Amino acid sequence: AFSKLPTGVVSDLLTIENRETLRRILQHHVLPENITSTRALPIDFIALSGGKVTLSRNESIMQINNVSVTRADVFATNGVIHAINDLLL
């Protein structure tokens, strides 16, 4: 998803001056509980960033704020990962 950003944006986000902005972007991708693709949707959450995140389904495709999940239910030791095809901003 970061590769979709304009040239130079990622390197700018990695500077010390933009550390807080990058932190908020990454925190917007973290939810307070484990959600699997079998969960009844739609449902709203407040992300770690404090912003609202809506999980829904468009036909059979799980979406997070209208961004498509490309790989769902990757179980990790600290939660469940859903790969998405864009950044949540």
PDB file of N, CA and C in Angstrom:
ATOM      1  N   ALA A   1       0.821  -1.192   0.000  1.00  0.00           N
ATOM      2  CA  ALA A   1       0.000   0.000   0.000  1.00  0.00           C
ATOM      3  C   ALA A   1       0.865   1.257   0.000  1.00  0.00           C
ATOM      4  N   PHE A   2       1.988   1.219   0.703  1.00  0.00           N
ATOM      5  CA  PHE A   2       2.858   2.391   0.718  1.00  0.00           C
ATOM      6  C   PHE A   2       3.413   2.693  -0.668  1.00  0.00           C
ATOM      7  N   SER A   3       3.532   1.672  -1.511  1.00  0.00           N
ATOM      8  CA  SER A   3       4.053   1.895  -2.865  1.00  0.00           C
ATOM      9  C   SER A   3       3.098   2.713  -3.727  1.00  0.00           C
ATOM     10  N   LYS A   4       1.836   2.827  -3.319  1.00  0.00           N
ATOM     11  CA  LYS A   4       0.864   3.623  -4.067  1.00  0.00           C
ATOM     12  C   LYS A   4       1.005   5.122  -3.800  1.00  0.00           C
ATOM     13  N   LEU A   5       1.766   5.466  -2.771  1.00  0.00           N
ATOM     14  CA  LEU A   5       1.952   6.886  -2.448  1.00  0.00           C
ATOM     15  C   LEU A   5       2.857   7.552  -3.475  1.00  0.00           C
ATOM     16  N   PRO A   6       2.705   8.860  -3.666  1.00  0.00           N
ATOM     17  CA  PRO A   6       3.573   9.567  -4.617  1.00  0.00           C
ATOM     18  C   PRO A   6       5.047   9.445  -4.234  1.00  0.00           C
ATOM     19  N   THR A   7       5.910   9.548  -5.212  1.00  0.00           N
ATOM     20  CA  THR A   7       7.355   9.461  -5.005  1.00  0.00           C
ATOM     21  C   THR A   7       7.799  10.441  -3.925  1.00  0.00           C
ATOM     22  N   GLY A   8       8.572   9.948  -2.985  1.00  0.00           N
ATOM     23  CA  GLY A   8       9.127  10.792  -1.932  1.00  0.00           C
ATOM     24  C   GLY A   8       8.335  10.807  -0.642  1.00  0.00           C
ATOM     25  N   VAL A   9       7.070  10.398  -0.675  1.00  0.00           N
ATOM     26  CA  VAL A   9       6.240  10.462   0.536  1.00  0.00           C
ATOM     27  C   VAL A   9       6.743   9.486   1.596  1.00  0.00           C
ATOM     28  N   VAL A  10       7.072   8.272   1.206  1.00  0.00           N
ATOM     29  CA  VAL A  10       7.537   7.288   2.182  1.00  0.00           C
ATOM     30  C   VAL A  10       8.837   7.742   2.826  1.00  0.00           C
ATOM     31  N   SER A  11       9.774   8.220   2.030  1.00  0.00           N
ATOM     32  CA  SER A  11      11.037   8.685   2.617  1.00  0.00           C
ATOM     33  C   SER A  11      10.805   9.874   3.538  1.00  0.00           C
ATOM     34  N   ASP A  12       9.853  10.740   3.211  1.00  0.00           N
ATOM     35  CA  ASP A  12       9.513  11.856   4.097  1.00  0.00           C
ATOM     36  C   ASP A  12       8.900  11.356   5.409  1.00  0.00           C
ATOM     37  N   LEU A  13       8.049  10.335   5.324  1.00  0.00           N
ATOM     38  CA  LEU A  13       7.432   9.795   6.530  1.00  0.00           C
ATOM     39  C   LEU A  13       8.455   9.144   7.452  1.00  0.00           C
ATOM     40  N   LEU A  14       9.550   8.685   6.894  1.00  0.00           N
ATOM     41  CA  LEU A  14      10.570   8.003   7.695  1.00  0.00           C
ATOM     42  C   LEU A  14      11.546   8.960   8.378  1.00  0.00           C
ATOM     43  N   THR A  15      11.389  10.257   8.171  1.00  0.00           N
ATOM     44  CA  THR A  15      12.266  11.217   8.837  1.00  0.00           C
ATOM     45  C   THR A  15      11.824  11.422  10.283  1.00  0.00           C
ATOM     46  N   ILE A  16      12.745  11.859  11.109  1.00  0.00           N
ATOM     47  CA  ILE A  16      12.445  12.108  12.517  1.00  0.00           C
ATOM     48  C   ILE A  16      11.338  13.150  12.662  1.00  0.00           C
ATOM     49  N   GLU A  17      11.338  14.148  11.798  1.00  0.00           N
ATOM     50  CA  GLU A  17      10.332  15.210  11.880  1.00  0.00           C
ATOM     51  C   GLU A  17       8.915  14.689  11.658  1.00  0.00           C
ATOM     52  N   ASN A  18       8.765  13.617  10.900  1.00  0.00           N
ATOM     53  CA  ASN A  18       7.439  13.077  10.572  1.00  0.00           C
ATOM     54  C   ASN A  18       7.116  11.783  11.314  1.00  0.00           C
ATOM     55  N   ARG A  19       7.892  11.483  12.327  1.00  0.00           N
ATOM     56  CA  ARG A  19       7.696  10.244  13.082  1.00  0.00           C
ATOM     57  C   ARG A  19       6.277  10.148  13.658  1.00  0.00           C
ATOM     58  N   GLU A  20       5.753  11.250  14.181  1.00  0.00           N
ATOM     59  CA  GLU A  20       4.413  11.246  14.773  1.00  0.00           C
ATOM     60  C   GLU A  20       3.337  10.992  13.713  1.00  0.00           C
ATOM     61  N   THR A  21       3.494  11.568  12.539  1.00  0.00           N
ATOM     62  CA  THR A  21       2.536  11.340  11.452  1.00  0.00           C
ATOM     63  C   THR A  21       2.532   9.874  11.047  1.00  0.00           C
ATOM     64  N   LEU A  22       3.700   9.290  10.880  1.00  0.00           N
ATOM     65  CA  LEU A  22       3.795   7.870  10.532  1.00  0.00           C
ATOM     66  C   LEU A  22       3.194   7.007  11.629  1.00  0.00           C
ATOM     67  N   ARG A  23       3.454   7.350  12.879  1.00  0.00           N
ATOM     68  CA  ARG A  23       2.900   6.594  13.999  1.00  0.00           C
ATOM     69  C   ARG A  23       1.370   6.613  13.958  1.00  0.00           C
ATOM     70  N   ARG A  24       0.769   7.776  13.697  1.00  0.00           N
ATOM     71  CA  ARG A  24      -0.687   7.870  13.631  1.00  0.00           C
ATOM     72  C   ARG A  24      -1.252   7.071  12.454  1.00  0.00           C
ATOM     73  N   ILE A  25      -0.563   7.097  11.312  1.00  0.00           N
ATOM     74  CA  ILE A  25      -1.016   6.302  10.156  1.00  0.00           C
ATOM     75  C   ILE A  25      -1.001   4.815  10.502  1.00  0.00           C
ATOM     76  N   LEU A  26       0.086   4.353  11.099  1.00  0.00           N
ATOM     77  CA  LEU A  26       0.190   2.935  11.451  1.00  0.00           C
ATOM     78  C   LEU A  26      -0.826   2.553  12.523  1.00  0.00           C
ATOM     79  N   GLN A  27      -1.053   3.428  13.509  1.00  0.00           N
ATOM     80  CA  GLN A  27      -2.024   3.132  14.557  1.00  0.00           C
ATOM     81  C   GLN A  27      -3.450   3.073  14.023  1.00  0.00           C
ATOM     82  N   HIS A  28      -3.696   3.730  12.915  1.00  0.00           N
ATOM     83  CA  HIS A  28      -5.041   3.691  12.327  1.00  0.00           C
ATOM     84  C   HIS A  28      -5.337   2.315  11.714  1.00  0.00           C
ATOM     85  N   HIS A  29      -4.322   1.479  11.624  1.00  0.00           N
ATOM     86  CA  HIS A  29      -4.469   0.123  11.088  1.00  0.00           C
ATOM     87  C   HIS A  29      -4.570  -0.928  12.191  1.00  0.00           C
ATOM     88  N   VAL A  30      -4.661  -0.500  13.452  1.00  0.00           N
ATOM     89  CA  VAL A  30      -4.701  -1.440  14.582  1.00  0.00           C
ATOM     90  C   VAL A  30      -6.023  -1.274  15.329  1.00  0.00           C
ATOM     91  N   LEU A  31      -6.745  -2.383  15.484  1.00  0.00           N
ATOM     92  CA  LEU A  31      -8.031  -2.376  16.183  1.00  0.00           C
ATOM     93  C   LEU A  31      -7.871  -2.991  17.571  1.00  0.00           C
ATOM     94  N   PRO A  32      -8.799  -2.691  18.495  1.00  0.00           N
ATOM     95  CA  PRO A  32      -8.654  -3.122  19.889  1.00  0.00           C
ATOM     96  C   PRO A  32      -8.977  -4.594  20.167  1.00  0.00           C
ATOM     97  N   GLU A  33      -9.431  -5.327  19.176  1.00  0.00           N
ATOM     98  CA  GLU A  33      -9.724  -6.743  19.404  1.00  0.00           C
ATOM     99  C   GLU A  33      -9.508  -7.539  18.129  1.00  0.00           C
ATOM    100  N   ASN A  34      -9.435  -8.853  18.291  1.00  0.00           N
ATOM    101  CA  ASN A  34      -9.248  -9.743  17.152  1.00  0.00           C
ATOM    102  C   ASN A  34     -10.564  -9.925  16.415  1.00  0.00           C
ATOM    103  N   ILE A  35     -10.551  -9.642  15.126  1.00  0.00           N
ATOM    104  CA  ILE A  35     -11.736  -9.786  14.287  1.00  0.00           C
ATOM    105  C   ILE A  35     -11.384 -10.754  13.163  1.00  0.00           C
ATOM    106  N   THR A  36     -12.177 -11.795  12.992  1.00  0.00           N
ATOM    107  CA  THR A  36     -11.957 -12.708  11.873  1.00  0.00           C
ATOM    108  C   THR A  36     -12.993 -12.431  10.788  1.00  0.00           C
ATOM    109  N   SER A  37     -12.747 -12.976   9.629  1.00  0.00           N
ATOM    110  CA  SER A  37     -13.634 -12.735   8.489  1.00  0.00           C
ATOM    111  C   SER A  37     -15.009 -13.377   8.659  1.00  0.00           C
ATOM    112  N   THR A  38     -15.159 -14.238   9.650  1.00  0.00           N
ATOM    113  CA  THR A  38     -16.453 -14.871   9.892  1.00  0.00           C
ATOM    114  C   THR A  38     -17.351 -14.026  10.788  1.00  0.00           C
ATOM    115  N   ARG A  39     -16.851 -12.935  11.289  1.00  0.00           N
ATOM    116  CA  ARG A  39     -17.617 -12.043  12.186  1.00  0.00           C
ATOM    117  C   ARG A  39     -18.771 -11.402  11.425  1.00  0.00           C
ATOM    118  N   ALA A  40     -19.886 -11.239  12.097  1.00  0.00           N
ATOM    119  CA  ALA A  40     -21.037 -10.552  11.502  1.00  0.00           C
ATOM    120  C   ALA A  40     -20.664  -9.090  11.250  1.00  0.00           C
ATOM    121  N   LEU A  41     -20.842  -8.645  10.033  1.00  0.00           N
ATOM    122  CA  LEU A  41     -20.486  -7.278   9.638  1.00  0.00           C
ATOM    123  C   LEU A  41     -21.703  -6.595   9.052  1.00  0.00           C
ATOM    124  N   PRO A  42     -21.831  -5.299   9.055  1.00  0.00           N
ATOM    125  CA  PRO A  42     -20.812  -4.296   9.372  1.00  0.00           C
ATOM    126  C   PRO A  42     -20.701  -4.058  10.876  1.00  0.00           C
ATOM    127  N   ILE A  43     -19.546  -3.523  11.257  1.00  0.00           N
ATOM    128  CA  ILE A  43     -19.278  -3.178  12.645  1.00  0.00           C
ATOM    129  C   ILE A  43     -18.275  -2.027  12.671  1.00  0.00           C
ATOM    130  N   ASP A  44     -18.443  -1.125  13.623  1.00  0.00           N
ATOM    131  CA  ASP A  44     -17.547   0.023  13.756  1.00  0.00           C
ATOM    132  C   ASP A  44     -16.637  -0.164  14.959  1.00  0.00           C
ATOM    133  N   PHE A  45     -15.408   0.332  14.824  1.00  0.00           N
ATOM    134  CA  PHE A  45     -14.423   0.308  15.898  1.00  0.00           C
ATOM    135  C   PHE A  45     -13.727   1.652  15.960  1.00  0.00           C
ATOM    136  N   ILE A  46     -13.094   1.895  17.082  1.00  0.00           N
ATOM    137  CA  ILE A  46     -12.175   3.020  17.194  1.00  0.00           C
ATOM    138  C   ILE A  46     -10.776   2.420  17.144  1.00  0.00           C
ATOM    139  N   ALA A  47     -10.002   2.814  16.148  1.00  0.00           N
ATOM    140  CA  ALA A  47      -8.644   2.314  15.972  1.00  0.00           C
ATOM    141  C   ALA A  47      -7.744   2.877  17.067  1.00  0.00           C
ATOM    142  N   LEU A  48      -6.561   2.326  17.198  1.00  0.00           N
ATOM    143  CA  LEU A  48      -5.581   2.798  18.168  1.00  0.00           C
ATOM    144  C   LEU A  48      -5.267   4.283  17.962  1.00  0.00           C
ATOM    145  N   SER A  49      -5.437   4.769  16.754  1.00  0.00           N
ATOM    146  CA  SER A  49      -5.208   6.181  16.433  1.00  0.00           C
ATOM    147  C   SER A  49      -6.296   7.087  16.996  1.00  0.00           C
ATOM    148  N   GLY A  50      -7.427   6.501  17.380  1.00  0.00           N
ATOM    149  CA  GLY A  50      -8.572   7.278  17.836  1.00  0.00           C
ATOM    150  C   GLY A  50      -9.604   7.514  16.746  1.00  0.00           C
ATOM    151  N   GLY A  51      -9.284   7.135  15.518  1.00  0.00           N
ATOM    152  CA  GLY A  51     -10.196   7.313  14.395  1.00  0.00           C
ATOM    153  C   GLY A  51     -11.157   6.153  14.245  1.00  0.00           C
ATOM    154  N   LYS A  52     -12.300   6.436  13.631  1.00  0.00           N
ATOM    155  CA  LYS A  52     -13.326   5.412  13.405  1.00  0.00           C
ATOM    156  C   LYS A  52     -12.929   4.529  12.221  1.00  0.00           C
ATOM    157  N   VAL A  53     -13.129   3.235  12.383  1.00  0.00           N
ATOM    158  CA  VAL A  53     -12.868   2.248  11.340  1.00  0.00           C
ATOM    159  C   VAL A  53     -14.118   1.392  11.193  1.00  0.00           C
ATOM    160  N   THR A  54     -14.596   1.235   9.972  1.00  0.00           N
ATOM    161  CA  THR A  54     -15.777   0.417   9.714  1.00  0.00           C
ATOM    162  C   THR A  54     -15.372  -0.835   8.950  1.00  0.00           C
ATOM    163  N   LEU A  55     -15.715  -1.988   9.495  1.00  0.00           N
ATOM    164  CA  LEU A  55     -15.517  -3.252   8.809  1.00  0.00           C
ATOM    165  C   LEU A  55     -16.851  -3.638   8.198  1.00  0.00           C
ATOM    166  N   SER A  56     -16.815  -3.996   6.917  1.00  0.00           N
ATOM    167  CA  SER A  56     -18.040  -4.351   6.218  1.00  0.00           C
ATOM    168  C   SER A  56     -17.724  -5.435   5.200  1.00  0.00           C
ATOM    169  N   ARG A  57     -18.742  -5.800   4.450  1.00  0.00           N
ATOM    170  CA  ARG A  57     -18.569  -6.803   3.401  1.00  0.00           C
ATOM    171  C   ARG A  57     -19.274  -6.291   2.158  1.00  0.00           C
ATOM    172  N   ASN A  58     -18.564  -6.306   1.038  1.00  0.00           N
ATOM    173  CA  ASN A  58     -19.136  -5.959  -0.255  1.00  0.00           C
ATOM    174  C   ASN A  58     -19.184  -7.258  -1.040  1.00  0.00           C
ATOM    175  N   GLU A  59     -20.374  -7.813  -1.139  1.00  0.00           N
ATOM    176  CA  GLU A  59     -20.563  -9.171  -1.652  1.00  0.00           C
ATOM    177  C   GLU A  59     -19.758 -10.100  -0.755  1.00  0.00           C
ATOM    178  N   SER A  60     -18.774 -10.805  -1.251  1.00  0.00           N
ATOM    179  CA  SER A  60     -18.008 -11.728  -0.409  1.00  0.00           C
ATOM    180  C   SER A  60     -16.674 -11.131   0.043  1.00  0.00           C
ATOM    181  N   ILE A  61     -16.390  -9.889  -0.322  1.00  0.00           N
ATOM    182  CA  ILE A  61     -15.093  -9.278  -0.003  1.00  0.00           C
ATOM    183  C   ILE A  61     -15.208  -8.432   1.262  1.00  0.00           C
ATOM    184  N   MET A  62     -14.386  -8.764   2.256  1.00  0.00           N
ATOM    185  CA  MET A  62     -14.322  -7.987   3.478  1.00  0.00           C
ATOM    186  C   MET A  62     -13.648  -6.657   3.173  1.00  0.00           C
ATOM    187  N   GLN A  63     -14.174  -5.590   3.752  1.00  0.00           N
ATOM    188  CA  GLN A  63     -13.603  -4.266   3.531  1.00  0.00           C
ATOM    189  C   GLN A  63     -13.400  -3.557   4.863  1.00  0.00           C
ATOM    190  N   ILE A  64     -12.396  -2.706   4.886  1.00  0.00           N
ATOM    191  CA  ILE A  64     -12.121  -1.857   6.032  1.00  0.00           C
ATOM    192  C   ILE A  64     -12.128  -0.430   5.509  1.00  0.00           C
ATOM    193  N   ASN A  65     -13.127   0.336   5.916  1.00  0.00           N
ATOM    194  CA  ASN A  65     -13.299   1.710   5.392  1.00  0.00           C
ATOM    195  C   ASN A  65     -13.261   1.734   3.864  1.00  0.00           C
ATOM    196  N   ASN A  66     -13.954   0.831   3.224  1.00  0.00           N
ATOM    197  CA  ASN A  66     -14.028   0.744   1.757  1.00  0.00           C
ATOM    198  C   ASN A  66     -12.712   0.359   1.091  1.00  0.00           C
ATOM    199  N   VAL A  67     -11.750  -0.124   1.848  1.00  0.00           N
ATOM    200  CA  VAL A  67     -10.498  -0.657   1.311  1.00  0.00           C
ATOM    201  C   VAL A  67     -10.621  -2.182   1.363  1.00  0.00           C
ATOM    202  N   SER A  68     -10.355  -2.850   0.260  1.00  0.00           N
ATOM    203  CA  SER A  68     -10.556  -4.301   0.177  1.00  0.00           C
ATOM    204  C   SER A  68      -9.480  -5.075   0.920  1.00  0.00           C
ATOM    205  N   VAL A  69      -9.929  -6.106   1.622  1.00  0.00           N
ATOM    206  CA  VAL A  69      -9.017  -7.051   2.257  1.00  0.00           C
ATOM    207  C   VAL A  69      -8.579  -8.037   1.180  1.00  0.00           C
ATOM    208  N   THR A  70      -7.276  -8.156   0.973  1.00  0.00           N
ATOM    209  CA  THR A  70      -6.754  -9.062  -0.052  1.00  0.00           C
ATOM    210  C   THR A  70      -6.362 -10.423   0.520  1.00  0.00           C
ATOM    211  N   ARG A  71      -6.135 -10.467   1.821  1.00  0.00           N
ATOM    212  CA  ARG A  71      -5.835 -11.737   2.497  1.00  0.00           C
ATOM    213  C   ARG A  71      -6.338 -11.611   3.932  1.00  0.00           C
ATOM    214  N   ALA A  72      -7.310 -12.430   4.277  1.00  0.00           N
ATOM    215  CA  ALA A  72      -7.937 -12.345   5.596  1.00  0.00           C
ATOM    216  C   ALA A  72      -7.437 -13.439   6.530  1.00  0.00           C
ATOM    217  N   ASP A  73      -7.586 -13.164   7.808  1.00  0.00           N
ATOM    218  CA  ASP A  73      -7.382 -14.161   8.863  1.00  0.00           C
ATOM    219  C   ASP A  73      -5.979 -14.760   8.889  1.00  0.00           C
ATOM    220  N   VAL A  74      -4.986 -13.918   8.888  1.00  0.00           N
ATOM    221  CA  VAL A  74      -3.605 -14.367   9.085  1.00  0.00           C
ATOM    222  C   VAL A  74      -3.364 -14.307  10.592  1.00  0.00           C
ATOM    223  N   PHE A  75      -3.321 -15.451  11.230  1.00  0.00           N
ATOM    224  CA  PHE A  75      -3.212 -15.495  12.684  1.00  0.00           C
ATOM    225  C   PHE A  75      -1.761 -15.322  13.119  1.00  0.00           C
ATOM    226  N   ALA A  76      -1.558 -14.378  14.037  1.00  0.00           N
ATOM    227  CA  ALA A  76      -0.238 -14.086  14.589  1.00  0.00           C
ATOM    228  C   ALA A  76      -0.316 -14.239  16.102  1.00  0.00           C
ATOM    229  N   THR A  77       0.815 -14.232  16.764  1.00  0.00           N
ATOM    230  CA  THR A  77       0.815 -14.408  18.218  1.00  0.00           C
ATOM    231  C   THR A  77       0.170 -13.230  18.938  1.00  0.00           C
ATOM    232  N   ASN A  78       0.114 -12.080  18.300  1.00  0.00           N
ATOM    233  CA  ASN A  78      -0.460 -10.902  18.957  1.00  0.00           C
ATOM    234  C   ASN A  78      -1.764 -10.426  18.317  1.00  0.00           C
ATOM    235  N   GLY A  79      -2.386 -11.243  17.478  1.00  0.00           N
ATOM    236  CA  GLY A  79      -3.655 -10.839  16.890  1.00  0.00           C
ATOM    237  C   GLY A  79      -3.914 -11.481  15.545  1.00  0.00           C
ATOM    238  N   VAL A  80      -4.860 -10.898  14.831  1.00  0.00           N
ATOM    239  CA  VAL A  80      -5.244 -11.371  13.506  1.00  0.00           C
ATOM    240  C   VAL A  80      -4.928 -10.267  12.503  1.00  0.00           C
ATOM    241  N   ILE A  81      -4.271 -10.627  11.420  1.00  0.00           N
ATOM    242  CA  ILE A  81      -3.893  -9.671  10.387  1.00  0.00           C
ATOM    243  C   ILE A  81      -4.790  -9.857   9.176  1.00  0.00           C
ATOM    244  N   HIS A  82      -5.229  -8.730   8.617  1.00  0.00           N
ATOM    245  CA  HIS A  82      -5.947  -8.732   7.352  1.00  0.00           C
ATOM    246  C   HIS A  82      -5.165  -7.820   6.415  1.00  0.00           C
ATOM    247  N   ALA A  83      -4.586  -8.380   5.365  1.00  0.00           N
ATOM    248  CA  ALA A  83      -3.847  -7.573   4.392  1.00  0.00           C
ATOM    249  C   ALA A  83      -4.842  -6.773   3.554  1.00  0.00           C
ATOM    250  N   ILE A  84      -4.531  -5.508   3.342  1.00  0.00           N
ATOM    251  CA  ILE A  84      -5.412  -4.638   2.557  1.00  0.00           C
ATOM    252  C   ILE A  84      -4.648  -4.067   1.378  1.00  0.00           C
ATOM    253  N   ASN A  85      -5.392  -3.538   0.391  1.00  0.00           N
ATOM    254  CA  ASN A  85      -4.762  -3.068  -0.826  1.00  0.00           C
ATOM    255  C   ASN A  85      -4.533  -1.567  -0.883  1.00  0.00           C
ATOM    256  N   ASP A  86      -4.674  -0.892   0.261  1.00  0.00           N
ATOM    257  CA  ASP A  86      -4.469   0.554   0.291  1.00  0.00           C
ATOM    258  C   ASP A  86      -4.221   0.987   1.720  1.00  0.00           C
ATOM    259  N   LEU A  87      -3.763   2.208   1.924  1.00  0.00           N
ATOM    260  CA  LEU A  87      -3.587   2.747   3.272  1.00  0.00           C
ATOM    261  C   LEU A  87      -4.898   3.313   3.779  1.00  0.00           C
ATOM    262  N   LEU A  88      -5.100   3.208   5.078  1.00  0.00           N
ATOM    263  CA  LEU A  88      -6.234   3.841   5.739  1.00  0.00           C
ATOM    264  C   LEU A  88      -5.750   5.186   6.241  1.00  0.00           C
ATOM    265  N   LEU A  89      -6.250   6.248   5.656  1.00  0.00           N
ATOM    266  CA  LEU A  89      -5.823   7.587   6.084  1.00  0.00           C
ATOM    267  C   LEU A  89      -6.991   8.360   6.638  1.00  0.00           C
TER     268      LEU A  89
END
